[in-house]
Amino acid sequence: MSKSLSFSTRPQGTTPWLALTAMLLVMTGCANTAKDLGTHGTASLSAEHQDWFDGGRPKYLEFRHKNTIRKADEALAANNPREAIRLLESLTAKGLPKGYYELAKVYDHGELVPRDPAKAAQLYGEAVSTPSYILGNASLNLAKLYREGDGVERNDLLAYYLLQQAVEEEVGRDAPVMLAELLSKGGEGVKADPSLAASLYRKAAEQGQPEALLALAQAHRPDGWLAASPEQASDYAQRYARALKRQARDGDVNAMIQLSKLYTPTGLLSDQPQQQLHWLMQAAQAGDNSALQQAGKALLERGDVEQGLSMLQRAANNGDVDAMTALGKVLLQDRLVPARPDSATRWLNTALEQGSTDAAVILGRALVAGEGVPANPQRGIALLKQAAAQDDGLALAALGDIYLSGEEVPTQPYMAADYLKRGSQLGHPYAKQQLGELYLNGRGVTPDPERAEALLREAVEQGQTGALRVLGEGYLTGEVLPARPQQAKTLLQQAVDAGDTTAMTKLGEAYMLGQLPADRSSQGLSLLEQAAREGDAYAMVVMGRAYRDGEGVSRDLAKSTYWLEKARDAGHPSAEEALSRTRQDQGSAGNIRALVEAAENGHPGSMAALGEAFLKGQGVQQDLARASRWLRRAADQGHAGAAASLGRMYLDGRGVTRDPAKGLHYIEQAVARGHAGARADLGELLLNGKVTAADPERGIRLLQQAARGGHQSAQLRLGEAYLSGEHVAQDTQRGLEMIRTVAERGDEYAAQILGKVYLEGTGVDADPNKANRWLTQASEAGNLSAQSLLGTALLRGDGSMTQDTARGQRLLTQAADRGHAGAQATLGREYLRGDHIEMNRRQGADYLLKAARQGHETARLALAKAYLSANGLENANNEQALVWLDGVMGGDSEMAAETLHGLLSDDSALEAVQETASR
C-alpha cells in the first residue's frame, strides 16, 4: 500500500514488533499469536533513543512545504546544493520531518556536498522522532548507518528496532531483507532467529528480490545457517542468476560482475570459467575498468598469460589503481609470467601515488625480502608502516614478523607485539598466529597460554595453516599448553592436508621418535619422504639422523649419507654437521677403508670425515698430523666443515703450530660457506676479543644466524647474552626460550643455567618445581655444578625449594667425592656447622682441605680465618694466613689433615669458619 497520502497513527507506547508480528502472520501463516514471535532485543534502548519509537502526534506537511521540497529538488538538479540546503533548513527550522529527511539524504549521499554520515544520522534521528509518512524510509536509512557503523558507533540493537519500524511502515524497500540478515545470525544485543529470518527472506524472494535469493542460496549450503540442502541452494542460486541476467540485459554493470562471481571455484554455481569470463568481458565492454582488471586476473589464473596481461595493462592504462597494483604484483611474483622488475615497480609506484595501500604492502614486502627487486629494507619497512597507518592487517602482520626475526632490523619483540595486536584486532589470521606464538613463549608480552590458545584457534578457524601447525606442536610438547597428543595429531594432519610441508616434517618426526602412535610403522617415514620430495631440507636431515641412529627405522649409514648429502645440497645449515657424524660412524663401524678410498678419490666430504676421524681417533688411531692434512685438502676444495675444524686446530695449537691469524682465516672461510658451527665460533671470538679485535655487533649477528640454523652452542651463548643483556638488549624471556630449546635436547649446561635461573628468580619468578626439574636433568647427565647447586638448595631449603636434607646431602656427597670443589666446600662447612646435617668436625675439615687444595677461594679463606682466630690474630694480614695454609697443604697430606683437625677443635677457629661460610 502506498504511504504517500497516509500518516502513522500508531498509539503512543506501542512496541514496533507487535505490528511486525501481525504482518508476518499474514506473510508466513506460521504463527498464531504475537507471543509466537516475541522480541529479539536482549537489552534496553538508551533514553535518548526512546522517542524514536514511542509514537506521538503526526506532523502534516502542507502544500507550501511540498512546494519547498520541489524547489530544493530543482536546486539540486541545477547543481546548486547551497540553495537546496537553505530551502530544506527552512523546513527543519519548523520541525518538519520531511525537511530533516531530505536534508539527511543530501549529506548521506554526498553527491554535491562532502559526504557527512554523522550529520546525516543526526538529521535522520530528528526525522524519526515524530511520526510522519517518511518515518519508514528515515528509519531504514538510519538503520543502515547504525548497522554499518557509518558516521555513528555501530549499534545492532538500535538498527534492529529501526528496521522493525521500517517494516511496520511498509516502506516497500529492502528493510525486510536487512532485518532478515540481522536475525539470521544475531548481533550485539539482538537474539538470532533463523526461522523468522528465513520467513522474511522467502517472502522477499517470492517478490523477486535478488538479495533475498542470494541469502537463501548461501543459507542452504553446507556451511550455511539453515539446514543444508543442495537442491534448495541450487534452486535459489539459479533464480538469483536469472534475476541478475535481467538486470544485466538492462545494462547493469554491477549485475554482470555479480554474475561472474557465481561461476568462480567458490561461487554458488561452481567453477565455470567460460561463464565467469563471459560476464567479466560484458562488464569490461560496458566500460567497467574493475571488470577489465578482474577479467585479466581470471585469464592469468587459467594460464592465458598474454591476454590476461593485455587486459590488466588496458585497465591500468585507463587509470584503474587496482589493475596497476595487480599488474605490478603479477610482474613481480607470478611464476607463470617472466619477471619484469622494472615494469613491476613502475606500476606499483604509480599505484602508490594514487594512494593504493595494497601496492604499499606488495612493494614493501618485496623490498624487505629482496624478492624480485634489489633489497631495500629501509624503504620497504617505511612502505609497510605507511600501510599499517591505514590499518592494513597484512602490513601489520609483516611488520610484526620483521621486528621478531631480527634479520633486517634489530629484534624488538615489544614493538612486534604492538603491531601484531593491532593486526589481530583487525582480524588478520597471520597476525593472530604470530601473536598466539608470542603469548605461548612470553616474548614481548606476558606469557598467557589461554590467550595464546584462543588466538591460534581463531587463526585456525580463518584458515591459517601455520596456526594449525603451531597449535599442534604446542599440544605435542605439552610444555606451555596442555599435552593433548590426539589433538596434536589431528591438527598437524590438517596442516599436512592443507599443504604445510613443515607440519608434514614435524608429524613424520613425531611418529619416528615415538611421540605419537602411528597407524602403521612406515607412516612417519612416508611423511618425511614426501616432505623431502617437496623440498623440505629439514625432513632430509631428520631422515638422515634417523637412519644413522636407528630411530624408527633400521640403522643404515648408506641411507643416512644419501639423505644428509641431499639436505646439504639443499642448503640446510645442520646437514653438514650431521653428515660428518654419519661418516664418523661409518669409520667407527670399521668402514675406514671405504672412507679412505672415497677421500683418495677426491670426495671433499669423505676427506673431511677422514680428517675428523684422525682428529678424534674414531675408527682409527688418533693422528693429528694426518687429521690436519686431510682437513686442509677438504677445506681447499670448499668444504665448510673441514675449514671450521682446521681453524679450531690453528686457534688451539692442536696438532699444528698455534697460529690465530690462520685459524681466523679458515673460520672466516667456513662462515662464508654458511657453516653454523663456524659462525658460532667466530661470533664468540668477536664477543670476547681475545684472538681478534672485538666486534660485538657482528658477533651477535653471527650467533643469531648460527642459532637460527639450529646450532646448540650458539643458541646457548645467545640465550645467555639475552639473559644478562651482554652486547644485546636484555630479553629474559627470549633468552630462556633459547636456552630451554637446547636443554630439551639434553644439553646439561643449558639445563643447569635454567635450573639456576628458576632457583634464584633471575629475571623471572622463582619456581622451585622448574628449578628442581632442570637441575635434576643436568645432575643426572653428570653435571657436578648442577648436582652441587641442587644438593645445597635441597639441604638448606633455599629458593623456596622444599627441604629434603637426605637427598641434598646425598647429591652433595656424590659431587664432592667426584672432585667438585664447590660441593666439597659446602659439605665441609655443613659438617662443621651441624645445622642441617649432624656435626662432624673431622669430615668437615677433610672436605674443606680438599676444596682448598683445588683453589676454592671460600674454602681457603675459611681455613685461613680459622688459623688466625685460633692464634688470637683476628686482625692479622689474611695473606700471612694464606701463606701458612699453602705451607700446610704443600706438605704431607695426612699431617695436613691432622693439623686442620686440631685447628678446628678450637671453638674460636670453628666460629671463624662458620662466619666466613655465611658471607
Foldseek 3Di string as FASTA:
>chain_A
DDLPPPWDPPAFPDALQQLVQVVLCVLPVPDDHSVVVDFFFQDDDDPVQVLLGGADDADDQDPVLVVLQVVLVVCVVVLNNVSSLVSLVVVVVVLALVSLQVNLVCQCVCPSHRRQNLSSLVSLSSNSSHITSCNLVSLQVNLVCQCVVPNHRNDLSSSLRSLSNNVSSPPVDCSLQVNLVCQLPHDVRGHHDNVSSLSSLVSVVVVPDLSSLQLQLQQQPPPHSDPNDLVSNLVSLVSSLVSLVVVVVVVDLVSLQVQLQLQPCPHSVHHDLVSNLVSLVSSVVSPDLVSLLVSLVSCVVVVVPPSSLVSLVVSVVVPDLVSLQVNLLCLQDPPSDPRDNVSSVVSLVVSVVVPDLSSLQSVLVCQCVVRSHRHDNVSSLVSLVVSVVVLDLSSLLVVLVCLCLCPRHHRDNLSSLVSLVSSVVVPDLSSLLVNLVCLQLVFNHRNDPVSSLVSLVSSVVVVNLVSLQVVLVCLLVCPRPHNDPVSSLVSLVVSVVVPDLVSLLVNLLCCQQVSHPDPDLCSSVVSLVVSVVVPDLVSLQSVLVCLCVVRSHDNDLVSSLVSLVSSVVSPQQCSLVSNLVSLLVCLLVVVVVVLVVCLVVPDLSSLQSNLVCLCVVRNHRNDNLSSLVSLVSSVVVQRLSSLQVNLVCLCVVPSHRNDNVSSVVSLVSSVVVNHLVSLQVVLVCLLVVPSHRHDNVSSLVSLSSSVVSVDLVSLQVNLVCLLVVRSHRNGNSSSLVSLVVSVVVQDLVSLLVQLVCLLVVRVHDNDQVSNCVSLVSSVVVPDLVSLLVVLVCQQVVGSVHPHDNVSSVVSLVVSLVVQDLSSLQVVLLCLLVCPRHHHDNLSSLVSLLSSVVVVNPLSLQLQLCLVCQLVVNNVDDSVVSSVVLCVLSVDDPVSSSVVSSVSSVDPRSSVSSNVSVVD
